[in-house]
Amino acid sequence: MIKSRRGLVAAIVTLASLTLAGVMYFAARQPSSQLDRELSAQVTKILEESSPAEHHAHGHSTVDSAVICAVEPFGTEPANARSLVEVTWVYARHLCAVTGEGTDWAQSVRASGPIAVKISIPPQVRVPEPGPGYQDRVRRLIPERYHAQALHEEFEDESFIDVARERFAEAVQRAK
């Protein structure tokens, strides 16, 4: 009888462990969290409302055009932030496209890569300069715990880009 109870307990523990692992895997595969969506919206607004001089510092020009951005957060400071009001820094992957006469998304001038944005008044946007030593500049800008995400070039959630692509098309239509 003791052996069967041990076996039953072992089976229950194993089943519980597998269930927990499955739930964690499923949660990790889900689209962005509510906080990620809020951070994305906040950083997108900051980037798109930047002055022409600020845009130039971020790597794109805005003469007679609009800047439309996709932002996918991958980290925050503090790391355990649970709400937008707790966040001081957002670490994200961004892709900004500049509209222009007759352009479409595929032909647009774009800038992309990791960024660090301080959520403050005024906000601060830090972008690593391109060129030789780029990965080292990324590592200096982004905390070590986020290096793998910062150096990953692709968006994990394409929906951020899909929304920006739609907004880009709408901006081009309005400009006509």
Protein backbone atom coordinates (compact mmCIF):
# COMPACT_ATOMS: atom_id res chain seq x y z
CA MET A 1 0.00 0.00 0.00
CA ILE A 2 2.88 2.41 0.77
CA LYS A 3 4.44 1.71 -2.62
CA SER A 4 1.18 2.50 -4.40
CA ARG A 5 0.82 5.79 -2.48
CA ARG A 6 4.39 6.77 -3.38
CA GLY A 7 3.67 5.90 -6.98
CA LEU A 8 0.46 7.93 -6.89
CA VAL A 9 2.23 10.91 -5.30
CA ALA A 10 5.04 10.66 -7.87
CA ALA A 11 2.49 10.54 -10.70
CA ILE A 12 0.62 13.57 -9.31
CA VAL A 13 3.85 15.54 -8.89
CA THR A 14 4.94 14.62 -12.42
CA LEU A 15 1.55 15.56 -13.88
CA ALA A 16 1.54 18.86 -11.97
CA SER A 17 5.07 19.64 -13.19
CA LEU A 18 4.16 18.90 -16.80
CA THR A 19 1.00 20.99 -16.52
CA LEU A 20 2.96 23.92 -15.07
CA ALA A 21 5.60 23.62 -17.81
CA GLY A 22 2.85 23.59 -20.44
CA VAL A 23 1.15 26.64 -18.98
CA MET A 24 4.47 28.52 -18.83
CA TYR A 25 5.31 27.55 -22.42
CA PHE A 26 1.85 28.60 -23.62
CA ALA A 27 2.08 31.92 -21.75
CA ALA A 28 5.49 32.63 -23.27
CA ARG A 29 4.10 32.00 -26.77
CA GLN A 30 1.14 34.35 -26.32
CA PRO A 31 1.10 37.76 -27.99
CA SER A 32 2.44 40.69 -26.05
CA SER A 33 1.22 41.43 -22.56
CA GLN A 34 -0.96 44.40 -21.72
CA LEU A 35 2.10 46.19 -20.33
CA ASP A 36 4.02 45.54 -23.57
CA ARG A 37 1.13 46.99 -25.60
CA GLU A 38 1.01 50.07 -23.35
CA LEU A 39 4.78 50.53 -23.53
CA SER A 40 4.69 50.07 -27.30
CA ALA A 41 2.02 52.76 -27.63
CA GLN A 42 3.90 55.15 -25.34
CA VAL A 43 7.26 54.74 -27.10
CA THR A 44 5.62 54.89 -30.54
CA LYS A 45 4.01 58.20 -29.57
CA ILE A 46 7.34 59.53 -28.29
CA LEU A 47 9.16 58.55 -31.49
CA GLU A 48 6.49 59.80 -33.87
CA GLU A 49 6.09 63.13 -32.08
CA SER A 50 9.82 63.86 -31.94
CA SER A 51 11.04 67.08 -33.52
CA PRO A 52 12.80 67.02 -36.92
CA ALA A 53 16.16 67.50 -35.14
CA GLU A 54 15.41 64.60 -32.81
CA HIS A 55 14.41 62.41 -35.75
CA HIS A 56 17.65 63.22 -37.48
CA ALA A 57 19.50 62.13 -34.34
CA HIS A 58 17.51 58.86 -34.46
CA GLY A 59 18.65 58.26 -38.05
CA HIS A 60 15.87 59.58 -40.28
CA SER A 61 14.74 62.80 -41.92
CA THR A 62 11.18 64.17 -41.77
CA VAL A 63 11.12 66.95 -44.36
CA ASP A 64 7.57 67.01 -45.85
CA SER A 65 6.85 63.61 -44.41
CA ALA A 66 5.61 61.71 -41.39
CA VAL A 67 7.39 59.10 -39.32
CA ILE A 68 5.44 55.93 -38.55
CA CYS A 69 6.94 53.52 -36.05
CA ALA A 70 6.54 49.97 -34.81
CA VAL A 71 7.87 49.33 -31.32
CA GLU A 72 8.26 45.95 -29.60
CA PRO A 73 9.40 46.21 -25.98
CA PHE A 74 11.67 43.49 -24.63
CA GLY A 75 12.64 44.92 -21.27
CA THR A 76 12.10 47.60 -18.67
CA GLU A 77 13.77 49.31 -15.78
CA PRO A 78 12.91 48.27 -13.19
CA ALA A 79 12.95 44.74 -14.61
CA ASN A 80 9.97 43.64 -12.50
CA ALA A 81 7.68 46.56 -13.45
CA ARG A 82 4.05 45.47 -13.70
CA SER A 83 2.44 48.75 -14.81
CA LEU A 84 3.30 51.70 -17.02
CA VAL A 85 3.64 54.08 -14.07
CA GLU A 86 6.41 51.91 -12.58
CA VAL A 87 8.57 52.00 -15.72
CA THR A 88 11.45 54.46 -15.96
CA TRP A 89 13.23 52.96 -19.00
CA VAL A 90 11.89 50.90 -21.88
CA TYR A 91 14.21 48.72 -23.95
CA ALA A 92 12.68 47.93 -27.30
CA ARG A 93 13.15 46.97 -30.90
CA HIS A 94 11.89 49.70 -33.22
CA LEU A 95 11.24 50.15 -36.91
CA CYS A 96 10.39 53.63 -38.16
CA ALA A 97 9.44 54.40 -41.75
CA VAL A 98 9.35 57.85 -43.30
CA THR A 99 6.45 58.67 -45.61
CA GLY A 100 7.06 60.72 -48.71
CA GLU A 101 5.38 61.58 -51.96
CA GLY A 102 4.42 58.41 -53.79
CA THR A 103 6.12 56.06 -51.37
CA ASP A 104 4.80 52.83 -50.04
CA TRP A 105 6.04 50.79 -47.10
CA ALA A 106 8.40 48.65 -49.19
CA GLN A 107 10.09 51.71 -50.76
CA SER A 108 10.19 53.89 -47.65
CA VAL A 109 13.29 55.06 -45.88
CA ARG A 110 13.44 53.11 -42.62
CA ALA A 111 15.53 52.98 -39.48
CA SER A 112 15.44 50.07 -37.07
CA GLY A 113 17.18 48.43 -34.18
CA PRO A 114 17.26 48.44 -30.41
CA ILE A 115 16.53 51.63 -28.49
CA ALA A 116 16.40 52.78 -24.90
CA VAL A 117 13.67 55.27 -23.99
CA LYS A 118 13.42 57.04 -20.67
CA ILE A 119 9.79 57.68 -19.79
CA SER A 120 10.13 61.18 -18.38
CA ILE A 121 9.26 64.78 -19.13
CA PRO A 122 10.78 65.33 -21.59
CA PRO A 123 11.37 61.74 -22.68
CA GLN A 124 14.87 60.66 -23.68
CA VAL A 125 15.52 58.41 -26.68
CA ARG A 126 18.88 56.72 -27.05
CA VAL A 127 19.82 54.91 -30.25
CA PRO A 128 23.17 53.19 -30.81
CA GLU A 129 25.08 54.69 -33.72
CA PRO A 130 25.50 52.43 -36.76
CA GLY A 131 28.84 51.33 -38.13
CA PRO A 132 31.82 49.36 -36.86
CA GLY A 133 31.47 48.54 -33.17
CA TYR A 134 27.65 48.67 -33.33
CA GLN A 135 27.12 45.56 -31.19
CA ASP A 136 29.42 46.97 -28.50
CA ARG A 137 27.41 50.21 -28.46
CA VAL A 138 24.20 48.18 -28.15
CA ARG A 139 25.68 46.30 -25.18
CA ARG A 140 26.63 49.60 -23.49
CA LEU A 141 23.13 51.00 -24.04
CA ILE A 142 21.03 47.98 -23.01
CA PRO A 143 21.37 46.16 -19.65
CA GLU A 144 23.15 42.81 -19.87
CA ARG A 145 20.02 40.82 -18.99
CA TYR A 146 18.50 42.02 -22.31
CA HIS A 147 21.52 41.66 -24.63
CA ALA A 148 20.16 38.61 -26.48
CA GLN A 149 16.87 40.38 -27.24
CA ALA A 150 18.62 43.63 -28.17
CA LEU A 151 20.90 41.92 -30.67
CA HIS A 152 18.07 39.86 -32.20
CA GLU A 153 17.20 41.69 -35.42
CA GLU A 154 13.67 40.42 -36.04
CA PHE A 155 10.47 41.39 -34.28
CA GLU A 156 9.11 38.47 -32.26
CA ASP A 157 5.53 39.68 -32.72
CA GLU A 158 4.87 40.76 -36.32
CA SER A 159 1.58 42.39 -35.32
CA PHE A 160 3.52 45.49 -34.21
CA ILE A 161 4.83 45.87 -37.78
CA ASP A 162 1.44 45.05 -39.35
CA VAL A 163 -0.20 47.89 -37.41
CA ALA A 164 2.58 50.33 -38.40
CA ARG A 165 2.30 49.26 -42.06
CA GLU A 166 -1.46 50.01 -42.00
CA ARG A 167 -0.87 53.38 -40.31
CA PHE A 168 1.82 54.16 -42.90
CA ALA A 169 -0.62 53.49 -45.78
CA GLU A 170 -3.23 55.72 -44.09
CA ALA A 171 -0.68 58.54 -43.66
CA VAL A 172 0.30 58.32 -47.33
CA GLN A 173 -3.37 58.44 -48.35
CA ARG A 174 -4.01 61.52 -46.17
CA ALA A 175 -1.02 63.29 -47.73
CA LYS A 176 -2.41 62.89 -51.27
